[in-house]
PDB file of N, CA and C in Angstrom:
ATOM      1  N   UNK A   1     -38.872 -84.916 145.171  1.00  0.00           N
ATOM      2  CA  UNK A   1     -38.348 -85.164 144.083  1.00  0.00           C
ATOM      3  C   UNK A   1     -37.044 -84.291 144.056  1.00  0.00           C
ATOM      4  N   UNK A   2     -36.017 -85.161 143.615  1.00  0.00           N
ATOM      5  CA  UNK A   2     -34.584 -84.795 143.559  1.00  0.00           C
ATOM      6  C   UNK A   2     -34.270 -83.905 142.429  1.00  0.00           C
ATOM      7  N   UNK A   3     -33.442 -82.711 142.826  1.00  0.00           N
ATOM      8  CA  UNK A   3     -33.054 -81.898 141.796  1.00  0.00           C
ATOM      9  C   UNK A   3     -31.698 -82.355 141.323  1.00  0.00           C
ATOM     10  N   UNK A   4     -31.787 -82.437 139.904  1.00  0.00           N
ATOM     11  CA  UNK A   4     -30.381 -83.018 139.203  1.00  0.00           C
ATOM     12  C   UNK A   4     -29.471 -81.570 139.383  1.00  0.00           C
ATOM     13  N   UNK A   5     -28.230 -81.930 139.867  1.00  0.00           N
ATOM     14  CA  UNK A   5     -27.403 -80.789 139.723  1.00  0.00           C
ATOM     15  C   UNK A   5     -26.555 -80.920 138.359  1.00  0.00           C
ATOM     16  N   UNK A   6     -26.590 -79.710 137.567  1.00  0.00           N
ATOM     17  CA  UNK A   6     -26.124 -79.689 136.350  1.00  0.00           C
ATOM     18  C   UNK A   6     -24.553 -79.432 136.488  1.00  0.00           C
ATOM     19  N   UNK A   7     -23.722 -80.131 135.996  1.00  0.00           N
ATOM     20  CA  UNK A   7     -22.239 -79.759 135.938  1.00  0.00           C
ATOM     21  C   UNK A   7     -22.021 -78.689 134.872  1.00  0.00           C
ATOM     22  N   UNK A   8     -21.177 -77.634 135.025  1.00  0.00           N
ATOM     23  CA  UNK A   8     -20.908 -76.823 133.862  1.00  0.00           C
ATOM     24  C   UNK A   8     -20.164 -77.611 132.932  1.00  0.00           C
ATOM     25  N   UNK A   9     -20.517 -77.033 131.660  1.00  0.00           N
ATOM     26  CA  UNK A   9     -19.878 -77.683 130.481  1.00  0.00           C
ATOM     27  C   UNK A   9     -18.654 -77.047 130.229  1.00  0.00           C
ATOM     28  N   UNK A  10     -17.627 -77.878 129.974  1.00  0.00           N
ATOM     29  CA  UNK A  10     -16.221 -77.360 129.874  1.00  0.00           C
ATOM     30  C   UNK A  10     -16.004 -77.299 128.366  1.00  0.00           C
ATOM     31  N   UNK A  11     -15.409 -76.284 127.624  1.00  0.00           N
ATOM     32  CA  UNK A  11     -15.424 -76.245 126.326  1.00  0.00           C
ATOM     33  C   UNK A  11     -14.119 -77.110 125.799  1.00  0.00           C
ATOM     34  N   UNK A  12     -14.167 -77.683 124.615  1.00  0.00           N
ATOM     35  CA  UNK A  12     -12.935 -78.634 124.227  1.00  0.00           C
ATOM     36  C   UNK A  12     -11.793 -77.713 123.954  1.00  0.00           C
ATOM     37  N   UNK A  13     -10.887 -78.182 124.521  1.00  0.00           N
ATOM     38  CA  UNK A  13      -9.510 -77.242 124.550  1.00  0.00           C
ATOM     39  C   UNK A  13      -8.895 -77.638 123.116  1.00  0.00           C
ATOM     40  N   UNK A  14      -8.656 -76.530 122.358  1.00  0.00           N
ATOM     41  CA  UNK A  14      -8.138 -76.608 121.017  1.00  0.00           C
ATOM     42  C   UNK A  14      -6.678 -76.119 121.052  1.00  0.00           C
ATOM     43  N   UNK A  15      -5.723 -77.070 120.483  1.00  0.00           N
ATOM     44  CA  UNK A  15      -4.222 -76.603 120.561  1.00  0.00           C
ATOM     45  C   UNK A  15      -4.138 -75.841 119.147  1.00  0.00           C
ATOM     46  N   UNK A  16      -4.549 -76.323 117.961  1.00  0.00           N
ATOM     47  CA  UNK A  16      -4.420 -75.652 116.781  1.00  0.00           C
ATOM     48  C   UNK A  16      -5.439 -74.515 116.505  1.00  0.00           C
ATOM     49  N   UNK A  17      -5.034 -73.561 115.791  1.00  0.00           N
ATOM     50  CA  UNK A  17      -5.930 -72.541 115.407  1.00  0.00           C
ATOM     51  C   UNK A  17      -6.671 -73.120 114.027  1.00  0.00           C
ATOM     52  N   UNK A  18      -7.714 -72.376 113.880  1.00  0.00           N
ATOM     53  CA  UNK A  18      -8.537 -72.850 112.407  1.00  0.00           C
ATOM     54  C   UNK A  18      -7.662 -72.887 111.461  1.00  0.00           C
ATOM     55  N   UNK A  19      -6.681 -71.887 111.144  1.00  0.00           N
ATOM     56  CA  UNK A  19      -5.855 -71.791 109.878  1.00  0.00           C
ATOM     57  C   UNK A  19      -4.596 -72.876 110.119  1.00  0.00           C
ATOM     58  N   UNK A  20      -4.244 -73.280 111.234  1.00  0.00           N
ATOM     59  CA  UNK A  20      -3.567 -74.390 111.415  1.00  0.00           C
ATOM     60  C   UNK A  20      -4.194 -75.616 110.906  1.00  0.00           C
ATOM     61  N   UNK A  21      -5.344 -75.834 111.321  1.00  0.00           N
ATOM     62  CA  UNK A  21      -6.121 -76.872 111.050  1.00  0.00           C
ATOM     63  C   UNK A  21      -6.414 -76.945 109.546  1.00  0.00           C
ATOM     64  N   UNK A  22      -6.704 -75.839 108.763  1.00  0.00           N
ATOM     65  CA  UNK A  22      -6.755 -75.850 107.447  1.00  0.00           C
ATOM     66  C   UNK A  22      -5.713 -76.183 106.667  1.00  0.00           C
ATOM     67  N   UNK A  23      -4.430 -75.650 107.029  1.00  0.00           N
ATOM     68  CA  UNK A  23      -2.983 -76.116 106.512  1.00  0.00           C
ATOM     69  C   UNK A  23      -2.902 -77.512 106.660  1.00  0.00           C
ATOM     70  N   UNK A  24      -3.027 -78.212 107.845  1.00  0.00           N
ATOM     71  CA  UNK A  24      -2.753 -79.572 108.090  1.00  0.00           C
ATOM     72  C   UNK A  24      -3.802 -80.386 107.100  1.00  0.00           C
ATOM     73  N   UNK A  25      -4.988 -79.881 106.888  1.00  0.00           N
ATOM     74  CA  UNK A  25      -5.798 -80.649 105.964  1.00  0.00           C
ATOM     75  C   UNK A  25      -5.289 -80.633 104.532  1.00  0.00           C
ATOM     76  N   UNK A  26      -4.903 -79.514 104.166  1.00  0.00           N
ATOM     77  CA  UNK A  26      -4.377 -79.105 102.846  1.00  0.00           C
ATOM     78  C   UNK A  26      -3.088 -79.888 102.587  1.00  0.00           C
ATOM     79  N   UNK A  27      -2.294 -80.072 103.495  1.00  0.00           N
ATOM     80  CA  UNK A  27      -1.031 -80.853 103.532  1.00  0.00           C
ATOM     81  C   UNK A  27      -1.248 -82.358 103.223  1.00  0.00           C
ATOM     82  N   UNK A  28      -2.348 -82.787 103.869  1.00  0.00           N
ATOM     83  CA  UNK A  28      -2.628 -84.391 103.606  1.00  0.00           C
ATOM     84  C   UNK A  28      -3.192 -84.405 102.376  1.00  0.00           C
ATOM     85  N   UNK A  29      -4.006 -83.556 101.933  1.00  0.00           N
ATOM     86  CA  UNK A  29      -4.592 -84.011 100.550  1.00  0.00           C
ATOM     87  C   UNK A  29      -5.413 -82.509 100.061  1.00  0.00           C
ATOM     88  N   UNK A  30      -5.392 -82.291  98.692  1.00  0.00           N
ATOM     89  CA  UNK A  30      -5.964 -81.261  98.213  1.00  0.00           C
ATOM     90  C   UNK A  30      -7.620 -81.235  98.426  1.00  0.00           C
ATOM     91  N   UNK A  31      -8.209 -80.222  98.307  1.00  0.00           N
ATOM     92  CA  UNK A  31      -9.343 -79.991  98.467  1.00  0.00           C
ATOM     93  C   UNK A  31     -10.161 -78.644  98.263  1.00  0.00           C
ATOM     94  N   UNK A  32     -11.459 -78.645  97.989  1.00  0.00           N
ATOM     95  CA  UNK A  32     -12.235 -77.541  97.804  1.00  0.00           C
ATOM     96  C   UNK A  32     -12.555 -76.848  99.170  1.00  0.00           C
ATOM     97  N   UNK A  33     -13.112 -75.694  99.065  1.00  0.00           N
ATOM     98  CA  UNK A  33     -13.399 -75.154 100.295  1.00  0.00           C
ATOM     99  C   UNK A  33     -14.669 -75.798 100.879  1.00  0.00           C
ATOM    100  N   UNK A  34     -15.642 -76.240 100.005  1.00  0.00           N
ATOM    101  CA  UNK A  34     -16.698 -76.918 100.552  1.00  0.00           C
ATOM    102  C   UNK A  34     -16.196 -78.220 101.215  1.00  0.00           C
ATOM    103  N   UNK A  35     -15.214 -79.062 100.721  1.00  0.00           N
ATOM    104  CA  UNK A  35     -14.822 -80.010 101.235  1.00  0.00           C
ATOM    105  C   UNK A  35     -14.075 -79.876 102.610  1.00  0.00           C
ATOM    106  N   UNK A  36     -13.570 -78.782 102.645  1.00  0.00           N
ATOM    107  CA  UNK A  36     -12.819 -78.460 104.096  1.00  0.00           C
ATOM    108  C   UNK A  36     -13.666 -77.866 105.040  1.00  0.00           C
ATOM    109  N   UNK A  37     -14.995 -77.266 104.464  1.00  0.00           N
ATOM    110  CA  UNK A  37     -15.884 -76.719 105.270  1.00  0.00           C
ATOM    111  C   UNK A  37     -16.648 -77.895 106.170  1.00  0.00           C
ATOM    112  N   UNK A  38     -16.897 -79.201 105.438  1.00  0.00           N
ATOM    113  CA  UNK A  38     -17.604 -80.251 105.954  1.00  0.00           C
ATOM    114  C   UNK A  38     -16.756 -80.872 106.927  1.00  0.00           C
ATOM    115  N   UNK A  39     -15.274 -80.901 106.651  1.00  0.00           N
ATOM    116  CA  UNK A  39     -14.395 -81.652 107.454  1.00  0.00           C
ATOM    117  C   UNK A  39     -14.083 -80.864 108.649  1.00  0.00           C
ATOM    118  N   UNK A  40     -13.874 -79.619 108.724  1.00  0.00           N
ATOM    119  CA  UNK A  40     -13.566 -78.961 109.870  1.00  0.00           C
ATOM    120  C   UNK A  40     -14.793 -78.326 110.380  1.00  0.00           C
ATOM    121  N   UNK A  41     -15.979 -78.417 109.986  1.00  0.00           N
ATOM    122  CA  UNK A  41     -17.201 -78.054 110.551  1.00  0.00           C
ATOM    123  C   UNK A  41     -17.241 -76.493 110.788  1.00  0.00           C
ATOM    124  N   UNK A  42     -16.861 -75.735 109.978  1.00  0.00           N
ATOM    125  CA  UNK A  42     -16.872 -74.344 110.078  1.00  0.00           C
ATOM    126  C   UNK A  42     -17.556 -73.847 108.476  1.00  0.00           C
ATOM    127  N   UNK A  43     -18.588 -72.849 108.497  1.00  0.00           N
ATOM    128  CA  UNK A  43     -18.984 -72.148 107.373  1.00  0.00           C
ATOM    129  C   UNK A  43     -17.900 -72.020 106.301  1.00  0.00           C
ATOM    130  N   UNK A  44     -18.430 -72.353 104.882  1.00  0.00           N
ATOM    131  CA  UNK A  44     -17.609 -72.138 103.696  1.00  0.00           C
ATOM    132  C   UNK A  44     -17.074 -70.598 103.578  1.00  0.00           C
ATOM    133  N   UNK A  45     -17.819 -69.975 103.962  1.00  0.00           N
ATOM    134  CA  UNK A  45     -17.608 -68.438 103.917  1.00  0.00           C
ATOM    135  C   UNK A  45     -16.428 -67.927 104.569  1.00  0.00           C
ATOM    136  N   UNK A  46     -16.308 -68.643 105.984  1.00  0.00           N
ATOM    137  CA  UNK A  46     -15.209 -68.580 106.734  1.00  0.00           C
ATOM    138  C   UNK A  46     -13.790 -69.081 106.026  1.00  0.00           C
ATOM    139  N   UNK A  47     -14.161 -70.261 105.520  1.00  0.00           N
ATOM    140  CA  UNK A  47     -12.912 -71.025 104.772  1.00  0.00           C
ATOM    141  C   UNK A  47     -12.181 -69.934 103.809  1.00  0.00           C
ATOM    142  N   UNK A  48     -12.882 -69.216 102.945  1.00  0.00           N
ATOM    143  CA  UNK A  48     -12.433 -68.396 102.005  1.00  0.00           C
ATOM    144  C   UNK A  48     -11.684 -67.217 102.702  1.00  0.00           C
ATOM    145  N   UNK A  49     -12.313 -66.710 103.860  1.00  0.00           N
ATOM    146  CA  UNK A  49     -11.441 -65.583 104.510  1.00  0.00           C
ATOM    147  C   UNK A  49     -10.224 -66.291 104.981  1.00  0.00           C
ATOM    148  N   UNK A  50     -10.078 -67.315 105.396  1.00  0.00           N
ATOM    149  CA  UNK A  50      -9.028 -67.943 106.297  1.00  0.00           C
ATOM    150  C   UNK A  50      -7.987 -68.258 105.030  1.00  0.00           C
ATOM    151  N   UNK A  51      -8.376 -68.651 104.033  1.00  0.00           N
ATOM    152  CA  UNK A  51      -7.393 -69.115 103.022  1.00  0.00           C
ATOM    153  C   UNK A  51      -6.805 -67.862 102.268  1.00  0.00           C
ATOM    154  N   UNK A  52      -7.521 -66.872 102.242  1.00  0.00           N
ATOM    155  CA  UNK A  52      -6.830 -65.554 102.015  1.00  0.00           C
ATOM    156  C   UNK A  52      -5.778 -65.161 102.611  1.00  0.00           C
ATOM    157  N   UNK A  53      -6.071 -65.241 104.104  1.00  0.00           N
ATOM    158  CA  UNK A  53      -5.011 -64.937 104.849  1.00  0.00           C
ATOM    159  C   UNK A  53      -3.893 -65.680 104.806  1.00  0.00           C
ATOM    160  N   UNK A  54      -4.070 -66.991 104.733  1.00  0.00           N
ATOM    161  CA  UNK A  54      -2.850 -68.013 104.583  1.00  0.00           C
ATOM    162  C   UNK A  54      -2.242 -67.861 103.384  1.00  0.00           C
ATOM    163  N   UNK A  55      -2.946 -67.524 102.205  1.00  0.00           N
ATOM    164  CA  UNK A  55      -2.072 -67.189 101.058  1.00  0.00           C
ATOM    165  C   UNK A  55      -1.221 -65.908 101.229  1.00  0.00           C
ATOM    166  N   UNK A  56      -1.660 -65.016 101.838  1.00  0.00           N
ATOM    167  CA  UNK A  56      -0.832 -63.773 101.994  1.00  0.00           C
ATOM    168  C   UNK A  56       0.321 -63.883 103.075  1.00  0.00           C
ATOM    169  N   UNK A  57       0.044 -64.784 103.895  1.00  0.00           N
ATOM    170  CA  UNK A  57       1.229 -64.974 105.038  1.00  0.00           C
ATOM    171  C   UNK A  57       1.997 -66.009 104.612  1.00  0.00           C
ATOM    172  N   UNK A  58       1.918 -67.031 103.836  1.00  0.00           N
ATOM    173  CA  UNK A  58       2.738 -68.236 103.451  1.00  0.00           C
ATOM    174  C   UNK A  58       3.854 -68.077 102.518  1.00  0.00           C
ATOM    175  N   UNK A  59       3.876 -66.746 101.874  1.00  0.00           N
ATOM    176  CA  UNK A  59       4.941 -66.193 101.028  1.00  0.00           C
ATOM    177  C   UNK A  59       6.293 -66.269 101.735  1.00  0.00           C
ATOM    178  N   UNK A  60       6.591 -66.237 102.855  1.00  0.00           N
ATOM    179  CA  UNK A  60       7.998 -66.176 103.571  1.00  0.00           C
ATOM    180  C   UNK A  60       8.228 -67.426 104.282  1.00  0.00           C
ATOM    181  N   UNK A  61       7.335 -68.264 104.316  1.00  0.00           N
ATOM    182  CA  UNK A  61       7.685 -69.623 105.093  1.00  0.00           C
ATOM    183  C   UNK A  61       8.225 -70.804 104.071  1.00  0.00           C
ATOM    184  N   UNK A  62       8.074 -72.059 104.657  1.00  0.00           N
ATOM    185  CA  UNK A  62       8.505 -73.125 104.166  1.00  0.00           C
ATOM    186  C   UNK A  62       7.442 -73.613 103.088  1.00  0.00           C
ATOM    187  N   UNK A  63       6.080 -73.289 103.088  1.00  0.00           N
ATOM    188  CA  UNK A  63       5.091 -74.027 102.236  1.00  0.00           C
ATOM    189  C   UNK A  63       4.425 -72.754 101.366  1.00  0.00           C
ATOM    190  N   UNK A  64       3.743 -73.321 100.377  1.00  0.00           N
ATOM    191  CA  UNK A  64       3.165 -72.227  99.600  1.00  0.00           C
ATOM    192  C   UNK A  64       1.577 -72.848  99.476  1.00  0.00           C
ATOM    193  N   UNK A  65       0.627 -72.061  99.326  1.00  0.00           N
ATOM    194  CA  UNK A  65      -0.684 -72.178  98.949  1.00  0.00           C
ATOM    195  C   UNK A  65      -0.937 -72.380  97.398  1.00  0.00           C
ATOM    196  N   UNK A  66      -1.092 -73.289  96.796  1.00  0.00           N
ATOM    197  CA  UNK A  66      -1.334 -73.435  95.443  1.00  0.00           C
ATOM    198  C   UNK A  66      -2.787 -73.751  95.246  1.00  0.00           C
ATOM    199  N   UNK A  67      -3.307 -72.852  94.151  1.00  0.00           N
ATOM    200  CA  UNK A  67      -4.564 -72.869  93.708  1.00  0.00           C
ATOM    201  C   UNK A  67      -4.847 -73.273  92.379  1.00  0.00           C
ATOM    202  N   UNK A  68      -5.611 -74.291  92.235  1.00  0.00           N
ATOM    203  CA  UNK A  68      -5.970 -74.757  90.836  1.00  0.00           C
ATOM    204  C   UNK A  68      -7.187 -73.988  90.536  1.00  0.00           C
ATOM    205  N   UNK A  69      -7.178 -73.295  89.426  1.00  0.00           N
ATOM    206  CA  UNK A  69      -8.292 -72.551  89.051  1.00  0.00           C
ATOM    207  C   UNK A  69      -9.503 -73.137  88.762  1.00  0.00           C
ATOM    208  N   UNK A  70     -10.505 -72.445  89.024  1.00  0.00           N
ATOM    209  CA  UNK A  70     -11.927 -72.972  88.678  1.00  0.00           C
ATOM    210  C   UNK A  70     -12.174 -73.078  87.057  1.00  0.00           C
ATOM    211  N   UNK A  71     -12.934 -74.190  86.657  1.00  0.00           N
ATOM    212  CA  UNK A  71     -13.138 -74.225  85.303  1.00  0.00           C
ATOM    213  C   UNK A  71     -14.662 -74.531  85.022  1.00  0.00           C
ATOM    214  N   UNK A  72     -14.988 -73.973  83.862  1.00  0.00           N
ATOM    215  CA  UNK A  72     -16.568 -73.995  83.276  1.00  0.00           C
ATOM    216  C   UNK A  72     -16.614 -75.654  82.943  1.00  0.00           C
ATOM    217  N   UNK A  73     -17.608 -76.132  83.287  1.00  0.00           N
ATOM    218  CA  UNK A  73     -17.916 -77.698  83.025  1.00  0.00           C
ATOM    219  C   UNK A  73     -18.560 -77.844  81.745  1.00  0.00           C
ATOM    220  N   UNK A  74     -18.955 -76.711  81.178  1.00  0.00           N
ATOM    221  CA  UNK A  74     -19.744 -76.715  79.806  1.00  0.00           C
ATOM    222  C   UNK A  74     -18.720 -76.450  78.764  1.00  0.00           C
ATOM    223  N   UNK A  75     -17.866 -75.374  78.766  1.00  0.00           N
ATOM    224  CA  UNK A  75     -17.059 -75.357  77.574  1.00  0.00           C
ATOM    225  C   UNK A  75     -15.564 -75.379  78.021  1.00  0.00           C
ATOM    226  N   UNK A  76     -15.099 -75.434  79.183  1.00  0.00           N
ATOM    227  CA  UNK A  76     -13.810 -75.916  79.625  1.00  0.00           C
ATOM    228  C   UNK A  76     -13.040 -74.639  79.971  1.00  0.00           C
ATOM    229  N   UNK A  77     -13.512 -73.418  80.063  1.00  0.00           N
ATOM    230  CA  UNK A  77     -12.785 -72.088  80.178  1.00  0.00           C
ATOM    231  C   UNK A  77     -12.102 -72.313  81.615  1.00  0.00           C
ATOM    232  N   UNK A  78     -10.686 -71.806  81.713  1.00  0.00           N
ATOM    233  CA  UNK A  78     -10.141 -71.819  83.028  1.00  0.00           C
ATOM    234  C   UNK A  78      -9.860 -70.451  83.522  1.00  0.00           C
ATOM    235  N   UNK A  79     -10.355 -70.196  84.498  1.00  0.00           N
ATOM    236  CA  UNK A  79     -10.170 -68.888  85.313  1.00  0.00           C
ATOM    237  C   UNK A  79      -8.763 -68.696  85.697  1.00  0.00           C
ATOM    238  N   UNK A  80      -7.633 -68.361  84.963  1.00  0.00           N
ATOM    239  CA  UNK A  80      -6.364 -68.313  85.281  1.00  0.00           C
ATOM    240  C   UNK A  80      -6.100 -67.061  86.027  1.00  0.00           C
ATOM    241  N   UNK A  81      -6.432 -65.953  85.599  1.00  0.00           N
ATOM    242  CA  UNK A  81      -5.998 -64.632  86.037  1.00  0.00           C
ATOM    243  C   UNK A  81      -6.935 -64.251  87.133  1.00  0.00           C
ATOM    244  N   UNK A  82      -7.704 -64.969  87.740  1.00  0.00           N
ATOM    245  CA  UNK A  82      -8.483 -64.675  88.822  1.00  0.00           C
ATOM    246  C   UNK A  82      -7.707 -64.490  90.206  1.00  0.00           C
ATOM    247  N   UNK A  83      -7.808 -63.254  90.834  1.00  0.00           N
ATOM    248  CA  UNK A  83      -7.336 -63.199  92.047  1.00  0.00           C
ATOM    249  C   UNK A  83      -7.971 -63.619  93.311  1.00  0.00           C
ATOM    250  N   UNK A  84      -9.401 -63.631  93.130  1.00  0.00           N
ATOM    251  CA  UNK A  84     -10.430 -63.896  94.207  1.00  0.00           C
ATOM    252  C   UNK A  84     -10.295 -65.565  94.288  1.00  0.00           C
ATOM    253  N   UNK A  85     -10.331 -65.971  95.503  1.00  0.00           N
ATOM    254  CA  UNK A  85     -10.396 -67.490  95.708  1.00  0.00           C
ATOM    255  C   UNK A  85     -11.827 -68.051  95.635  1.00  0.00           C
ATOM    256  N   UNK A  86     -12.784 -67.356  95.671  1.00  0.00           N
ATOM    257  CA  UNK A  86     -14.222 -67.996  95.526  1.00  0.00           C
ATOM    258  C   UNK A  86     -14.494 -68.341  94.172  1.00  0.00           C
ATOM    259  N   UNK A  87     -15.565 -69.243  94.013  1.00  0.00           N
ATOM    260  CA  UNK A  87     -15.940 -69.881  92.706  1.00  0.00           C
ATOM    261  C   UNK A  87     -16.562 -68.643  92.121  1.00  0.00           C
ATOM    262  N   UNK A  88     -16.270 -68.342  90.669  1.00  0.00           N
ATOM    263  CA  UNK A  88     -17.025 -67.421  89.775  1.00  0.00           C
ATOM    264  C   UNK A  88     -18.502 -67.763  89.825  1.00  0.00           C
ATOM    265  N   UNK A  89     -19.402 -66.667  89.459  1.00  0.00           N
ATOM    266  CA  UNK A  89     -20.753 -67.269  89.460  1.00  0.00           C
ATOM    267  C   UNK A  89     -21.165 -67.629  88.129  1.00  0.00           C
ATOM    268  N   UNK A  90     -20.217 -67.225  87.019  1.00  0.00           N
ATOM    269  CA  UNK A  90     -20.619 -67.696  85.651  1.00  0.00           C
ATOM    270  C   UNK A  90     -19.445 -67.598  84.948  1.00  0.00           C
ATOM    271  N   UNK A  91     -19.421 -68.296  83.689  1.00  0.00           N
ATOM    272  CA  UNK A  91     -18.426 -68.180  82.663  1.00  0.00           C
ATOM    273  C   UNK A  91     -18.579 -67.066  81.590  1.00  0.00           C
ATOM    274  N   UNK A  92     -17.460 -66.346  81.400  1.00  0.00           N
ATOM    275  CA  UNK A  92     -17.448 -65.305  80.649  1.00  0.00           C
ATOM    276  C   UNK A  92     -17.620 -65.414  79.144  1.00  0.00           C
ATOM    277  N   UNK A  93     -17.437 -66.814  78.808  1.00  0.00           N
ATOM    278  CA  UNK A  93     -17.652 -67.217  77.406  1.00  0.00           C
ATOM    279  C   UNK A  93     -18.932 -67.698  77.107  1.00  0.00           C
ATOM    280  N   UNK A  94     -19.396 -68.802  77.707  1.00  0.00           N
ATOM    281  CA  UNK A  94     -20.554 -69.298  77.332  1.00  0.00           C
ATOM    282  C   UNK A  94     -21.813 -68.912  78.465  1.00  0.00           C
ATOM    283  N   UNK A  95     -21.478 -68.188  79.456  1.00  0.00           N
ATOM    284  CA  UNK A  95     -22.546 -67.896  80.334  1.00  0.00           C
ATOM    285  C   UNK A  95     -23.125 -68.850  81.370  1.00  0.00           C
ATOM    286  N   UNK A  96     -22.548 -70.182  81.297  1.00  0.00           N
ATOM    287  CA  UNK A  96     -23.029 -71.273  82.103  1.00  0.00           C
ATOM    288  C   UNK A  96     -22.648 -70.822  83.480  1.00  0.00           C
ATOM    289  N   UNK A  97     -23.441 -71.337  84.318  1.00  0.00           N
ATOM    290  CA  UNK A  97     -23.276 -71.236  85.862  1.00  0.00           C
ATOM    291  C   UNK A  97     -22.869 -72.490  86.345  1.00  0.00           C
ATOM    292  N   UNK A  98     -22.580 -73.541  85.433  1.00  0.00           N
ATOM    293  CA  UNK A  98     -21.965 -74.810  85.939  1.00  0.00           C
ATOM    294  C   UNK A  98     -20.282 -74.579  86.089  1.00  0.00           C
ATOM    295  N   UNK A  99     -19.801 -74.101  87.257  1.00  0.00           N
ATOM    296  CA  UNK A  99     -18.484 -73.894  87.238  1.00  0.00           C
ATOM    297  C   UNK A  99     -17.781 -74.978  88.336  1.00  0.00           C
ATOM    298  N   UNK A 100     -16.612 -75.639  87.957  1.00  0.00           N
ATOM    299  CA  UNK A 100     -16.136 -76.282  89.092  1.00  0.00           C
ATOM    300  C   UNK A 100     -15.330 -75.556  90.017  1.00  0.00           C
ATOM    301  N   UNK A 101     -15.328 -75.984  91.307  1.00  0.00           N
ATOM    302  CA  UNK A 101     -14.680 -75.075  92.309  1.00  0.00           C
ATOM    303  C   UNK A 101     -13.182 -75.279  92.201  1.00  0.00           C
ATOM    304  N   UNK A 102     -12.572 -74.077  92.642  1.00  0.00           N
ATOM    305  CA  UNK A 102     -11.101 -74.218  92.678  1.00  0.00           C
ATOM    306  C   UNK A 102     -10.695 -75.188  93.746  1.00  0.00           C
ATOM    307  N   UNK A 103      -9.574 -75.774  93.512  1.00  0.00           N
ATOM    308  CA  UNK A 103      -8.835 -76.792  94.162  1.00  0.00           C
ATOM    309  C   UNK A 103      -7.689 -76.151  94.818  1.00  0.00           C
ATOM    310  N   UNK A 104      -7.663 -76.237  96.370  1.00  0.00           N
ATOM    311  CA  UNK A 104      -6.489 -75.835  97.058  1.00  0.00           C
ATOM    312  C   UNK A 104      -5.491 -76.897  97.659  1.00  0.00           C
ATOM    313  N   UNK A 105      -4.278 -76.669  97.674  1.00  0.00           N
ATOM    314  CA  UNK A 105      -3.412 -77.355  98.298  1.00  0.00           C
ATOM    315  C   UNK A 105      -2.195 -76.759  98.724  1.00  0.00           C
ATOM    316  N   UNK A 106      -1.466 -77.303  99.761  1.00  0.00           N
ATOM    317  CA  UNK A 106      -0.258 -76.656 100.295  1.00  0.00           C
ATOM    318  C   UNK A 106       1.006 -77.706  99.968  1.00  0.00           C
ATOM    319  N   UNK A 107       1.830 -77.067  99.344  1.00  0.00           N
ATOM    320  CA  UNK A 107       3.237 -77.617  99.000  1.00  0.00           C
ATOM    321  C   UNK A 107       4.477 -77.130  99.485  1.00  0.00           C
ATOM    322  N   UNK A 108       5.569 -77.814  99.564  1.00  0.00           N
ATOM    323  CA  UNK A 108       6.626 -77.267 100.255  1.00  0.00           C
ATOM    324  C   UNK A 108       7.280 -76.342  98.989  1.00  0.00           C
ATOM    325  N   UNK A 109       7.800 -75.265  99.532  1.00  0.00           N
ATOM    326  CA  UNK A 109       8.291 -74.187  98.546  1.00  0.00           C
ATOM    327  C   UNK A 109       9.880 -74.698  98.234  1.00  0.00           C
ATOM    328  N   UNK A 110      10.083 -74.172  96.908  1.00  0.00           N
ATOM    329  CA  UNK A 110      11.446 -74.707  96.413  1.00  0.00           C
ATOM    330  C   UNK A 110      12.522 -73.807  96.924  1.00  0.00           C
TER     331      UNK A 110
END
């Protein structure tokens, strides 16, 4: 019986970092963290960490990260003064847990 010689697997060479890929996705179209997670094939939890860093570092560049705040789907409350990027767990007015995720996009700075 012949032994199959297995060639070593070569990792895929990536030119862009994950944060650059997130920015390019957001430049193309707005999206939620869940949508970006599915498109980039990384966990949603990591997306939020990267978005936080992108938000902090983009203030000096050509582009800005714009966050459309989460809203309650039951009463329509908008979480405008929220600093965290993650979706809130429940509405402070009606206590509903049906919350629409925040929408992220990257636009050119004025």
